[in-house]
N, C-alpha and C. Protein backbone atom coordinates (compact mmCIF):
# COMPACT_ATOMS: atom_id res chain seq x y z
N MET A 1 4.19 -2.02 1.40
CA MET A 1 5.17 -1.32 2.20
C MET A 1 5.55 0.01 1.55
N THR A 2 5.55 0.03 0.24
CA THR A 2 5.88 1.27 -0.46
C THR A 2 4.86 2.36 -0.16
N GLU A 3 3.58 1.98 -0.17
CA GLU A 3 2.53 2.96 0.14
C GLU A 3 2.63 3.45 1.58
N ALA A 4 2.91 2.56 2.50
CA ALA A 4 3.05 2.95 3.90
C ALA A 4 4.25 3.88 4.07
N ALA A 5 5.35 3.56 3.39
CA ALA A 5 6.54 4.40 3.47
C ALA A 5 6.27 5.80 2.92
N THR A 6 5.58 5.87 1.80
CA THR A 6 5.23 7.16 1.21
C THR A 6 4.34 7.96 2.15
N ALA A 7 3.40 7.29 2.77
CA ALA A 7 2.46 7.98 3.67
C ALA A 7 3.15 8.59 4.88
N ILE A 8 4.22 7.95 5.36
CA ILE A 8 4.89 8.47 6.55
C ILE A 8 6.19 9.19 6.23
N GLY A 9 6.52 9.27 4.93
CA GLY A 9 7.73 9.98 4.52
C GLY A 9 9.02 9.24 4.82
N ALA A 10 8.97 7.91 4.75
CA ALA A 10 10.15 7.09 5.01
C ALA A 10 10.48 6.27 3.77
N SER A 11 11.64 5.67 3.75
CA SER A 11 11.99 4.79 2.64
C SER A 11 11.30 3.43 2.84
N TRP A 12 11.09 2.74 1.72
CA TRP A 12 10.46 1.43 1.85
C TRP A 12 11.40 0.45 2.54
N GLN A 13 12.70 0.70 2.42
CA GLN A 13 13.65 -0.17 3.09
C GLN A 13 13.53 -0.03 4.61
N SER A 14 13.31 1.19 5.07
CA SER A 14 13.14 1.40 6.52
C SER A 14 11.88 0.72 7.02
N VAL A 15 10.80 0.86 6.26
CA VAL A 15 9.54 0.22 6.65
C VAL A 15 9.71 -1.30 6.66
N ARG A 16 10.37 -1.83 5.64
CA ARG A 16 10.61 -3.27 5.58
C ARG A 16 11.43 -3.74 6.78
N GLY A 17 12.45 -2.97 7.15
CA GLY A 17 13.29 -3.33 8.29
C GLY A 17 12.52 -3.35 9.60
N VAL A 18 11.70 -2.33 9.82
CA VAL A 18 10.89 -2.28 11.05
C VAL A 18 9.90 -3.43 11.06
N CYS A 19 9.23 -3.67 9.93
CA CYS A 19 8.26 -4.76 9.86
C CYS A 19 8.92 -6.11 10.12
N ALA A 20 10.12 -6.30 9.57
CA ALA A 20 10.83 -7.56 9.80
C ALA A 20 11.22 -7.72 11.27
N SER A 21 11.68 -6.63 11.89
CA SER A 21 12.11 -6.74 13.29
C SER A 21 10.93 -6.95 14.24
N LYS A 22 9.75 -6.46 13.85
CA LYS A 22 8.55 -6.62 14.69
C LYS A 22 7.72 -7.84 14.28
N ASN A 23 8.20 -8.58 13.24
CA ASN A 23 7.47 -9.72 12.71
C ASN A 23 6.09 -9.32 12.19
N TRP A 24 6.03 -8.19 11.48
CA TRP A 24 4.78 -7.67 10.92
C TRP A 24 4.68 -7.87 9.41
N THR A 25 5.64 -8.56 8.80
CA THR A 25 5.63 -8.67 7.35
C THR A 25 4.37 -9.37 6.83
N HIS A 26 3.78 -10.24 7.64
CA HIS A 26 2.56 -10.93 7.22
C HIS A 26 1.36 -9.98 7.14
N ARG A 27 1.49 -8.78 7.66
CA ARG A 27 0.39 -7.82 7.64
C ARG A 27 0.30 -7.06 6.32
N PHE A 28 1.29 -7.22 5.48
CA PHE A 28 1.30 -6.57 4.18
C PHE A 28 1.12 -7.63 3.10
N ARG A 29 0.54 -7.22 2.00
CA ARG A 29 0.40 -8.15 0.88
C ARG A 29 0.64 -7.42 -0.42
N SER A 30 1.02 -8.16 -1.41
CA SER A 30 1.21 -7.59 -2.74
C SER A 30 -0.15 -7.47 -3.41
N THR A 31 -0.32 -6.41 -4.16
CA THR A 31 -1.55 -6.22 -4.90
C THR A 31 -1.23 -5.96 -6.35
N LYS A 32 -2.11 -6.40 -7.21
CA LYS A 32 -1.97 -6.11 -8.63
C LYS A 32 -2.64 -4.78 -8.89
N ARG A 33 -1.98 -3.95 -9.65
CA ARG A 33 -2.54 -2.65 -10.02
C ARG A 33 -3.38 -2.82 -11.26
N SER A 34 -4.54 -2.24 -11.27
CA SER A 34 -5.39 -2.27 -12.45
C SER A 34 -5.21 -1.00 -13.24
N SER A 35 -5.09 -1.14 -14.54
CA SER A 35 -4.99 0.04 -15.38
C SER A 35 -6.35 0.42 -15.96
N SER A 36 -7.39 -0.30 -15.56
CA SER A 36 -8.72 -0.02 -16.07
C SER A 36 -9.31 1.20 -15.38
N PRO A 37 -9.69 2.23 -16.15
CA PRO A 37 -10.30 3.41 -15.53
C PRO A 37 -11.64 3.10 -14.88
N LEU A 38 -12.34 2.09 -15.39
CA LEU A 38 -13.63 1.71 -14.81
C LEU A 38 -13.44 1.20 -13.39
N ILE A 39 -12.46 0.34 -13.19
CA ILE A 39 -12.21 -0.21 -11.85
C ILE A 39 -11.73 0.89 -10.92
N SER A 40 -10.83 1.73 -11.38
CA SER A 40 -10.29 2.80 -10.54
C SER A 40 -11.36 3.81 -10.17
N SER A 41 -12.19 4.20 -11.13
CA SER A 41 -13.19 5.22 -10.83
C SER A 41 -14.31 4.68 -9.97
N ALA A 42 -14.59 3.39 -10.07
CA ALA A 42 -15.64 2.79 -9.26
C ALA A 42 -15.16 2.53 -7.84
N GLY A 43 -13.85 2.47 -7.65
CA GLY A 43 -13.31 2.23 -6.32
C GLY A 43 -13.20 0.77 -5.96
N PHE A 44 -13.34 -0.11 -6.93
CA PHE A 44 -13.24 -1.54 -6.66
C PHE A 44 -11.84 -2.02 -6.98
N GLY A 45 -11.42 -3.05 -6.29
CA GLY A 45 -10.15 -3.68 -6.58
C GLY A 45 -8.95 -2.95 -6.02
N LEU A 46 -9.17 -1.97 -5.17
CA LEU A 46 -8.07 -1.21 -4.61
C LEU A 46 -7.82 -1.66 -3.18
N CYS A 47 -6.56 -1.75 -2.83
CA CYS A 47 -6.18 -2.14 -1.48
C CYS A 47 -5.29 -1.08 -0.88
N GLY A 48 -5.07 -1.16 0.38
CA GLY A 48 -4.15 -0.24 1.05
C GLY A 48 -4.67 1.18 1.08
N LEU A 49 -3.77 2.15 0.93
CA LEU A 49 -4.14 3.55 1.03
C LEU A 49 -5.08 3.99 -0.06
N GLU A 50 -4.94 3.41 -1.27
CA GLU A 50 -5.86 3.77 -2.36
C GLU A 50 -7.28 3.37 -2.02
N GLY A 51 -7.44 2.21 -1.42
CA GLY A 51 -8.77 1.75 -1.05
C GLY A 51 -9.41 2.62 0.01
N LEU A 52 -8.59 3.30 0.79
CA LEU A 52 -9.12 4.19 1.82
C LEU A 52 -9.37 5.60 1.29
N GLY A 53 -9.03 5.83 0.03
CA GLY A 53 -9.25 7.13 -0.57
C GLY A 53 -8.10 8.11 -0.34
N ALA A 54 -6.98 7.63 0.13
CA ALA A 54 -5.82 8.50 0.37
C ALA A 54 -5.30 9.01 -0.97
N GLY A 55 -4.95 10.25 -1.02
CA GLY A 55 -4.41 10.84 -2.22
C GLY A 55 -5.47 11.23 -3.22
N ALA A 56 -6.73 11.10 -2.87
CA ALA A 56 -7.81 11.45 -3.81
C ALA A 56 -8.19 12.91 -3.66
């Protein structure tokens, strides 16, 4: 939700509220961030906007 909020210029609380009211919370998931440069540079293990190449 934080990534989605950043992408649209909204607070994560606003995104959470809209998702809760629309029953969309199941569409988001928590991901573990990898600090390994090998994983990041190869493009593996990324979800959400990072996995789509946003911000690259």
